[in-house]
Each structure stands twice: as structure tokens, then as C-alpha cells.
């Protein structure tokens, strides 16, 4: 495999511009989203106050992280903050690698450590039991983008005027759509199938994407893409303004569309001689990476992680072998998008049974039983 095909680091440094912003929105009382941009070359977190950052360069480049927490009054904020801080701690202390496959394994390890530590905090603190968070992380390794996903926060790549989602939602809506059901008609389609911290282990989806010179990468929470839609997102990202303006306009657009959820956006623009020039018809492609394989056989256009998670609730009839260990995932129920927050978020978790509120406990149980009953009925059609 040639150096360019393997993603090995060319001599040229990565040149990039990056910006990020998180916003509470218009209806929530607190912000359960957390974001982080870390400079892997200098092992420091980049200050995002003001959202403005000039062009930077380095061998490794930045790590982008977005987490969307859930779990009651305090749990969501704690879980999302722990998710970004622990993942950053582990990756910034790890040996650097320009090999996308090596970096993907390091990223997976960091995410699983974050999951275990968040779960441990929830077990020790009764006020935080049942908390969890989505996580989407992205970094450049060689000439490729490496993405890790748990939950339904997303990663996109804009090339020219084409916006492509390069992550796969681990959500009930996505699983229903894959199984041929009308997910857009399902009232509880805001449910996700996996979140950091809910169970002792997690199954991150890893994707590896070939980048081209001038590509823009967007990481965002569902409070952005549910309100704006991909058409508006692509238009804003495709503007010739810098990443800081793009981030500002994305957040303002989501607020103008109702601002019913917390809103987070991070934008990375890559440049430099290590990236090939884009050619006509050369679009970004989602390719999931199996860390137990090597080379091209490790990459597939199908998300086997999403299939395994869907199979656990009876939605997939052709689940593949569990090449990545899956231990104890549960359906994590979240409020549907655009619906005002009505009390605590809901999760199906053994720890949830220990919450002090009797009404909250029965609400969670009833919601999950009804949800699984509906899913089971649809699967039998």
C-alpha cells in the first residue's frame, strides 16, 4: 500500500482553520452540550471564547469533540463535560501516529475509557445515576479524517457544494429506516441506541474518510441538524467566509428556526500540500473501520456497529458477527426533537432504578415498555 493510500504523514504540515461554538438555545434552562478543540501538536486545549481562530499548522492538527448530555438536571452537563475531558486527556497523552488505522484504535480506546469513567461516576453519585452523553470526535491522521461516534451527534464533510454525512446515527429513527419502517412517523424517533456512561462498556463506530484540499468538516449536535436541515447547513458551510463566521451563522440559524434544543457546531477547514486537489465527482464517502482487521478489508460502507445495536432491540434480521465486543447496551430514550423538555431525560439503565423520585422511575419504565412494544409490533409486520 502506498504512503498516500495508507494515509502516512507526508512531509508537508497540516494547515487548518478551526472554530467552535455551543449555545443553550431558546427553550432550555441549561446547556447539556459540551465541545472541545484540542491542539494535538502542542497538547493544549484551544480557547474558544469568541469563536475566532487564525490559521494554524502542525503535524497532527486538532482534535474536535462534541457531546450532547442527558440525565436530569445536572447529569447531562456532567456527562458531556466528562466525555470531552477524558477523551482529550487520553488522546493528548497517547503517542502520535499519522497512520489512520493506528489513530482510530487509539481514539476508540480513549472513548471506551471515557465511557467506563462516566459510568463509574454515575454509580458512585446517586444524583448522577443514569446519566449519559453522545460523543462524536474527529481528527486528521495523514491525509484522512478519523471519526468516532457514540449516539447521534454527527460529522459532515463539505467538498465543493456537496455535503456528506460521514458518521452514522445510532438512533431508533436510523434503525427503523434501515429496516424499512417509516421512522419519520414514529413519535419517539429521538431515542438513541447507545450513549457514553449508561453501561459499563460501549461500541464506538469508527469511520475513515479521505480528505481533499479545502474540505470543511462539521461536527454538530442534533440541536443543529434537526432544526436547520442539511440544505441550509450546506449553504452556510459553502459560503466563502471563514470557519468562525460559519459557526456563528449555523448557531444563529438554528436559533432562528426555533432554538428548541442546545446547539453546538465545530468547523474545521483543511489545507496544505498533504491533501490532493478535489476532482469532479470525487465526493467524501462514509467508510466504517473495523479495528480487528487491517488494510482495505477493514473498511466498509455499511455501519456494522449500527446493525449490532439495532439487532439488540430486534430491528435487524441480518446482524453481523460481533467483531467489536458489545457488552450490556440498553435502549436510551431521549425526548423527540422539537419537543419542549418535560422533566428529566429518560434512559433505560439499571442505575435508573435507584433514583429517588418514584414518579420519575415509573415514567422511565412505562416509556421504555411502550417504546419496545411498538418497535416489536412494527418488526413483526
Protein backbone atom coordinates (compact mmCIF):
# COMPACT_ATOMS: atom_id res chain seq x y z
CA UNK A 1 0.00 0.00 0.00
CA UNK A 2 1.46 3.37 -0.99
CA UNK A 3 2.06 6.12 1.58
CA UNK A 4 -0.76 8.21 0.17
CA UNK A 5 -3.17 5.28 0.22
CA UNK A 6 -2.29 4.32 3.76
CA UNK A 7 -2.63 7.88 4.98
CA UNK A 8 1.01 8.05 6.14
CA UNK A 9 2.11 11.53 7.05
CA UNK A 10 3.57 13.48 4.12
CA UNK A 11 6.40 15.93 4.74
CA UNK A 12 4.04 18.91 4.49
CA UNK A 13 2.42 20.16 7.66
CA UNK A 14 -1.33 20.25 8.04
CA UNK A 15 -2.64 23.78 7.64
CA UNK A 16 -6.04 24.44 9.10
CA UNK A 17 -8.57 26.93 10.38
CA UNK A 18 -10.97 25.87 13.09
CA UNK A 19 -13.75 27.36 15.20
CA UNK A 20 -16.49 26.16 17.52
CA UNK A 21 -19.48 27.40 19.47
CA UNK A 22 -22.12 25.97 21.78
CA UNK A 23 -25.37 27.71 22.70
CA UNK A 24 -28.14 26.96 25.18
CA UNK A 25 -30.86 27.69 22.61
CA UNK A 26 -34.15 29.42 23.35
CA UNK A 27 -36.16 26.88 25.37
CA UNK A 28 -33.68 25.05 27.60
CA UNK A 29 -32.64 26.37 31.00
CA UNK A 30 -29.15 24.86 30.84
CA UNK A 31 -26.69 23.71 28.20
CA UNK A 32 -26.04 19.96 28.28
CA UNK A 33 -23.83 20.14 25.17
CA UNK A 34 -20.05 20.34 25.59
CA UNK A 35 -17.45 20.98 22.91
CA UNK A 36 -13.67 20.95 22.80
CA UNK A 37 -10.97 21.65 20.24
CA UNK A 38 -7.54 20.43 21.27
CA UNK A 39 -4.20 21.07 19.59
CA UNK A 40 -2.60 17.61 19.46
CA UNK A 41 0.79 19.01 18.41
CA UNK A 42 1.05 21.22 21.49
CA UNK A 43 -1.12 19.11 23.82
CA UNK A 44 -3.29 22.05 24.80
CA UNK A 45 -6.97 22.90 24.67
CA UNK A 46 -7.77 25.79 22.34
CA UNK A 47 -9.69 28.66 23.94
CA UNK A 48 -12.93 29.07 22.02
CA UNK A 49 -14.06 32.34 23.60
CA UNK A 50 -15.29 34.47 20.73
CA UNK A 51 -15.07 31.52 18.34
CA UNK A 52 -12.27 33.16 16.32
CA UNK A 53 -9.06 31.34 15.49
CA UNK A 54 -6.43 32.18 12.90
CA UNK A 55 -4.79 29.69 10.56
CA UNK A 56 -2.61 27.15 12.34
CA UNK A 57 -0.29 24.37 11.22
CA UNK A 58 1.17 21.21 12.69
CA UNK A 59 1.95 17.57 12.06
CA UNK A 60 -1.06 16.17 13.94
CA UNK A 61 -3.56 19.03 13.87
CA UNK A 62 -6.65 19.44 16.05
CA UNK A 63 -9.00 17.04 17.82
CA UNK A 64 -12.65 18.09 17.62
CA UNK A 65 -15.15 16.81 20.19
CA UNK A 66 -18.88 17.35 20.68
CA UNK A 67 -21.01 15.70 23.39
CA UNK A 68 -24.76 16.01 24.00
CA UNK A 69 -25.60 15.01 27.55
CA UNK A 70 -28.74 13.58 29.12
CA UNK A 71 -29.73 12.54 32.59
CA UNK A 72 -31.77 15.05 34.52
CA UNK A 73 -30.98 18.44 35.98
CA UNK A 74 -27.23 18.00 36.47
CA UNK A 75 -26.37 14.64 34.94
CA UNK A 76 -26.36 15.71 31.30
CA UNK A 77 -23.99 18.59 31.87
CA UNK A 78 -21.64 16.45 33.94
CA UNK A 79 -21.65 13.54 31.49
CA UNK A 80 -20.94 15.67 28.43
CA UNK A 81 -18.15 17.58 30.15
CA UNK A 82 -16.57 14.34 31.37
CA UNK A 83 -16.88 12.88 27.88
CA UNK A 84 -14.82 15.58 26.20
CA UNK A 85 -12.30 16.00 29.02
CA UNK A 86 -11.49 12.31 29.45
CA UNK A 87 -11.29 11.63 25.72
CA UNK A 88 -8.96 14.61 25.30
CA UNK A 89 -6.86 13.55 28.29
CA UNK A 90 -6.32 10.08 26.88
CA UNK A 91 -5.57 11.14 23.31
CA UNK A 92 -3.31 14.06 24.17
CA UNK A 93 -1.20 11.73 26.31
CA UNK A 94 -1.04 8.97 23.69
CA UNK A 95 1.82 8.59 21.20
CA UNK A 96 1.11 10.43 17.98
CA UNK A 97 0.54 8.43 14.80
CA UNK A 98 -0.02 9.51 11.22
CA UNK A 99 -1.43 6.06 10.39
CA UNK A 100 -5.25 6.38 10.34
CA UNK A 101 -5.75 2.79 11.49
CA UNK A 102 -3.46 3.20 14.49
CA UNK A 103 -5.05 6.53 15.37
CA UNK A 104 -8.54 5.05 15.05
CA UNK A 105 -7.65 2.36 17.58
CA UNK A 106 -6.22 4.98 19.95
CA UNK A 107 -9.39 7.03 19.58
CA UNK A 108 -11.59 4.01 20.24
CA UNK A 109 -9.60 3.21 23.36
CA UNK A 110 -9.98 6.80 24.62
CA UNK A 111 -13.74 6.76 24.06
CA UNK A 112 -14.18 3.45 25.88
CA UNK A 113 -12.15 4.76 28.83
CA UNK A 114 -14.38 7.84 28.92
CA UNK A 115 -17.44 5.58 28.92
CA UNK A 116 -16.12 3.50 31.83
CA UNK A 117 -15.21 6.54 33.91
CA UNK A 118 -18.56 8.28 33.33
CA UNK A 119 -20.36 5.07 34.26
CA UNK A 120 -18.25 4.83 37.42
CA UNK A 121 -19.08 8.39 38.46
CA UNK A 122 -22.77 7.67 37.99
CA UNK A 123 -22.58 4.56 40.16
CA UNK A 124 -20.82 6.42 42.96
CA UNK A 125 -23.03 9.53 42.98
CA UNK A 126 -26.75 8.90 43.48
CA UNK A 127 -27.57 12.30 42.00
CA UNK A 128 -25.87 11.38 38.72
CA UNK A 129 -27.01 7.79 38.28
CA UNK A 130 -28.26 7.03 34.79
CA UNK A 131 -26.51 9.99 33.17
CA UNK A 132 -25.07 9.61 29.70
CA UNK A 133 -23.89 11.53 26.67
CA UNK A 134 -23.45 11.19 22.96
CA UNK A 135 -19.94 11.71 21.61
CA UNK A 136 -18.57 12.47 18.17
CA UNK A 137 -14.83 13.02 17.80
CA UNK A 138 -12.77 13.78 14.70
CA UNK A 139 -9.09 14.31 13.91
CA UNK A 140 -6.82 14.24 10.86
CA UNK A 141 -4.34 11.36 10.52
CA UNK A 142 -2.13 11.72 7.48
CA UNK A 143 -4.49 12.79 4.71
CA UNK A 144 -7.55 11.16 6.24
CA UNK A 145 -10.22 12.15 8.72
CA UNK A 146 -10.84 9.68 11.55
CA UNK A 147 -14.25 9.90 13.25
CA UNK A 148 -15.62 8.12 16.34
CA UNK A 149 -19.34 8.15 17.09
CA UNK A 150 -21.48 7.08 20.04
CA UNK A 151 -25.10 8.19 19.78
CA UNK A 152 -26.46 10.67 17.24
CA UNK A 153 -24.20 13.71 17.20
CA UNK A 154 -22.94 13.99 13.63
CA UNK A 155 -19.90 14.58 11.45
CA UNK A 156 -20.14 16.02 7.93
CA UNK A 157 -17.63 16.83 5.20
CA UNK A 158 -18.33 19.59 2.67
CA UNK A 159 -16.45 19.29 -0.62
CA UNK A 160 -17.28 21.93 -3.19
CA UNK A 161 -21.05 22.27 -2.97
CA UNK A 162 -21.73 18.74 -1.72
CA UNK A 163 -22.36 18.00 1.96
CA UNK A 164 -21.91 14.36 3.02
CA UNK A 165 -22.62 12.85 6.44
CA UNK A 166 -19.56 10.76 7.36
CA UNK A 167 -20.96 9.34 10.60
CA UNK A 168 -23.96 7.08 11.15
CA UNK A 169 -26.64 7.85 13.73
CA UNK A 170 -27.01 5.20 16.41
CA UNK A 171 -30.67 6.09 16.81
CA UNK A 172 -34.04 4.40 16.70
CA UNK A 173 -35.05 6.54 13.72
CA UNK A 174 -32.00 5.39 11.77
CA UNK A 175 -32.59 1.75 12.72
CA UNK A 176 -36.25 1.96 11.68
CA UNK A 177 -35.31 3.49 8.34
CA UNK A 178 -32.70 0.78 7.72
CA UNK A 179 -35.34 -1.87 8.48
CA UNK A 180 -37.79 -0.29 6.03
CA UNK A 181 -40.10 1.34 8.57
CA UNK A 182 -41.35 4.96 8.30
CA UNK A 183 -39.14 6.42 11.03
CA UNK A 184 -40.37 9.94 10.32
CA UNK A 185 -43.83 8.89 11.52
CA UNK A 186 -42.59 7.33 14.74
CA UNK A 187 -43.21 9.70 17.64
CA UNK A 188 -40.26 8.53 19.75
CA UNK A 189 -37.69 8.62 16.95
CA UNK A 190 -35.48 10.83 19.12
CA UNK A 191 -34.39 7.70 21.01
CA UNK A 192 -30.76 6.68 20.68
CA UNK A 193 -29.44 3.14 20.93
CA UNK A 194 -26.20 3.89 22.76
CA UNK A 195 -24.69 6.61 24.94
CA UNK A 196 -21.48 7.02 26.90
CA UNK A 197 -21.77 6.18 30.58
CA UNK A 198 -25.09 4.34 30.58
CA UNK A 199 -23.49 0.88 30.65
CA UNK A 200 -20.01 -0.35 31.67
CA UNK A 201 -18.79 -0.61 28.06
CA UNK A 202 -19.68 0.89 24.68
CA UNK A 203 -19.22 0.09 21.00
CA UNK A 204 -17.92 3.22 19.19
CA UNK A 205 -18.35 3.41 15.44
CA UNK A 206 -15.12 4.39 13.69
CA UNK A 207 -15.02 5.88 10.20
CA UNK A 208 -12.09 6.86 7.99
CA UNK A 209 -12.56 9.40 5.20
CA UNK A 210 -10.14 10.57 2.51
CA UNK A 211 -9.80 14.35 2.69
CA UNK A 212 -9.09 16.78 -0.13
CA UNK A 213 -7.59 20.23 -0.10
CA UNK A 214 -10.14 22.80 1.01
CA UNK A 215 -12.56 20.32 2.62
CA UNK A 216 -14.64 21.60 5.50
CA UNK A 217 -15.52 19.29 8.39
CA UNK A 218 -18.54 19.95 10.62
CA UNK A 219 -19.26 18.28 13.96
CA UNK A 220 -22.64 19.13 15.49
CA UNK A 221 -25.27 18.08 17.99
CA UNK A 222 -28.83 17.22 16.99
CA UNK A 223 -29.96 20.65 18.14
CA UNK A 224 -28.31 21.99 14.98
CA UNK A 225 -29.14 19.48 12.26
CA UNK A 226 -32.70 18.80 13.41
CA UNK A 227 -33.57 22.48 13.17
CA UNK A 228 -31.56 23.66 10.16
CA UNK A 229 -31.58 20.65 7.89
CA UNK A 230 -28.77 19.62 5.60
CA UNK A 231 -29.70 22.03 2.81
CA UNK A 232 -29.24 25.10 5.00
CA UNK A 233 -26.16 23.62 6.65
CA UNK A 234 -24.54 23.04 3.26
CA UNK A 235 -25.36 26.56 2.09
CA UNK A 236 -23.81 28.15 5.17
CA UNK A 237 -20.72 25.93 5.11
CA UNK A 238 -20.28 26.56 1.39
CA UNK A 239 -20.04 30.30 1.88
CA UNK A 240 -16.55 31.68 1.36
CA UNK A 241 -16.43 33.13 4.86
CA UNK A 242 -14.09 31.62 7.44
CA UNK A 243 -14.94 28.87 9.94
CA UNK A 244 -15.71 31.34 12.74
CA UNK A 245 -18.36 33.06 10.60
CA UNK A 246 -19.73 29.69 9.52
CA UNK A 247 -20.09 28.58 13.15
CA UNK A 248 -21.79 31.82 14.10
CA UNK A 249 -24.25 31.63 11.20
CA UNK A 250 -25.04 27.97 11.88
CA UNK A 251 -25.89 28.67 15.52
CA UNK A 252 -27.87 31.80 14.65
CA UNK A 253 -29.78 29.84 12.02
CA UNK A 254 -30.74 27.11 14.49
CA UNK A 255 -31.90 29.72 16.99
CA UNK A 256 -33.95 31.46 14.30
CA UNK A 257 -35.53 28.09 13.45
CA UNK A 258 -36.86 27.77 16.99
CA UNK A 259 -33.84 27.03 19.17
CA UNK A 260 -35.72 24.20 20.90
CA UNK A 261 -32.56 22.36 21.94
CA UNK A 262 -28.96 23.10 22.85
CA UNK A 263 -26.93 23.90 19.73
CA UNK A 264 -23.28 23.03 19.06
CA UNK A 265 -21.13 23.35 15.94
CA UNK A 266 -17.42 22.93 15.23
CA UNK A 267 -15.95 23.66 11.80
CA UNK A 268 -12.51 22.61 10.54
CA UNK A 269 -11.10 23.70 7.18
CA UNK A 270 -8.04 21.78 5.96
CA UNK A 271 -5.36 22.89 3.53
CA UNK A 272 -1.77 22.15 2.64
CA UNK A 273 0.22 20.04 0.22
CA UNK A 274 -0.51 16.78 2.03
CA UNK A 275 -4.02 16.82 0.52
CA UNK A 276 -4.80 16.10 -3.12
CA UNK A 277 -6.87 18.58 -5.09
CA UNK A 278 -10.53 17.55 -5.41
CA UNK A 279 -11.59 16.20 -8.80
CA UNK A 280 -15.00 16.19 -10.48
CA UNK A 281 -17.20 13.52 -8.95
CA UNK A 282 -14.76 12.94 -6.10
CA UNK A 283 -17.09 13.02 -3.10
CA UNK A 284 -16.42 12.17 0.56
CA UNK A 285 -17.54 8.64 1.47
CA UNK A 286 -18.54 7.09 4.77
CA UNK A 287 -16.39 4.03 5.46
CA UNK A 288 -16.59 2.29 8.82
CA UNK A 289 -13.33 0.89 10.18
CA UNK A 290 -13.18 -2.49 11.90
CA UNK A 291 -10.26 -2.28 14.37
CA UNK A 292 -9.79 -6.07 14.34
CA UNK A 293 -8.85 -6.06 10.65
CA UNK A 294 -6.06 -4.48 8.62
CA UNK A 295 -5.93 -2.51 5.38
CA UNK A 296 -8.75 -2.29 2.86
CA UNK A 297 -10.73 -5.28 4.28
CA UNK A 298 -11.16 -3.25 7.48
CA UNK A 299 -13.20 -0.58 5.65
CA UNK A 300 -16.86 -0.98 4.70
CA UNK A 301 -19.65 1.33 3.55
CA UNK A 302 -22.03 -0.38 6.00
CA UNK A 303 -22.12 0.50 9.69
CA UNK A 304 -21.86 -2.87 11.39
CA UNK A 305 -21.93 -1.12 14.77
CA UNK A 306 -25.34 0.39 13.99
CA UNK A 307 -26.58 -3.02 12.80
CA UNK A 308 -25.46 -4.71 16.00
CA UNK A 309 -27.15 -2.07 18.13
CA UNK A 310 -30.37 -2.36 16.12
CA UNK A 311 -30.27 -6.15 16.40
CA UNK A 312 -30.28 -5.88 20.18
CA UNK A 313 -33.80 -4.42 20.04
CA UNK A 314 -34.98 -6.80 17.32
CA UNK A 315 -34.82 -4.46 14.32
CA UNK A 316 -32.07 -6.13 12.29
CA UNK A 317 -32.57 -9.54 10.72
CA UNK A 318 -29.06 -9.87 9.32
CA UNK A 319 -26.84 -8.77 12.19
CA UNK A 320 -23.19 -9.49 11.57
CA UNK A 321 -20.83 -11.22 13.94
CA UNK A 322 -19.77 -9.05 16.87
CA UNK A 323 -16.22 -8.33 15.74
CA UNK A 324 -16.11 -5.50 18.27
CA UNK A 325 -17.23 -6.66 21.72
CA UNK A 326 -20.64 -5.35 22.72
CA UNK A 327 -21.39 -5.56 26.41
CA UNK A 328 -24.63 -4.52 28.00
CA UNK A 329 -26.00 -1.77 25.74
CA UNK A 330 -29.53 -0.66 26.51
CA UNK A 331 -32.03 1.44 24.64
CA UNK A 332 -31.52 5.03 25.73
CA UNK A 333 -34.70 7.05 25.35
CA UNK A 334 -34.48 10.76 24.72
CA UNK A 335 -37.19 13.32 24.15
CA UNK A 336 -38.23 13.70 20.49
CA UNK A 337 -36.64 16.60 18.64
CA UNK A 338 -38.56 19.92 18.77
CA UNK A 339 -40.50 18.87 21.87
CA UNK A 340 -40.07 21.13 24.95
CA UNK A 341 -38.22 19.46 27.79
CA UNK A 342 -40.73 17.97 30.21
CA UNK A 343 -38.76 16.99 33.27
CA UNK A 344 -35.76 14.69 33.30
CA UNK A 345 -34.47 12.95 30.19
CA UNK A 346 -35.22 9.22 30.09
CA UNK A 347 -32.80 6.33 29.94
CA UNK A 348 -33.31 2.60 30.34
CA UNK A 349 -30.49 1.71 32.71
CA UNK A 350 -30.16 -0.50 35.79
CA UNK A 351 -28.83 2.52 37.67
CA UNK A 352 -32.00 4.43 36.87
CA UNK A 353 -33.94 2.24 39.30
CA UNK A 354 -32.06 3.82 42.17
CA UNK A 355 -33.23 7.37 41.52
CA UNK A 356 -35.01 8.90 44.47
CA UNK A 357 -38.09 10.07 42.58
CA UNK A 358 -40.77 7.37 42.43
CA UNK A 359 -42.68 9.16 39.68
CA UNK A 360 -39.54 9.50 37.56
CA UNK A 361 -38.80 5.80 38.00
CA UNK A 362 -42.26 4.75 36.81
CA UNK A 363 -42.22 7.25 33.96
CA UNK A 364 -38.98 5.75 32.70
CA UNK A 365 -40.28 2.20 33.00
CA UNK A 366 -43.56 2.96 31.24
CA UNK A 367 -41.85 4.89 28.43
CA UNK A 368 -39.38 2.11 27.71
CA UNK A 369 -42.02 -0.66 27.86
CA UNK A 370 -44.29 1.23 25.46
CA UNK A 371 -41.37 2.03 23.16
CA UNK A 372 -40.17 -1.56 22.94
CA UNK A 373 -43.71 -2.83 22.44
CA UNK A 374 -44.22 -0.52 19.48
CA UNK A 375 -40.87 -1.47 17.99
CA UNK A 376 -41.65 -5.16 18.40
CA UNK A 377 -45.02 -4.77 16.73
CA UNK A 378 -43.51 -2.91 13.78
CA UNK A 379 -40.80 -5.55 13.40
CA UNK A 380 -43.45 -8.26 13.03
CA UNK A 381 -45.27 -6.54 10.17
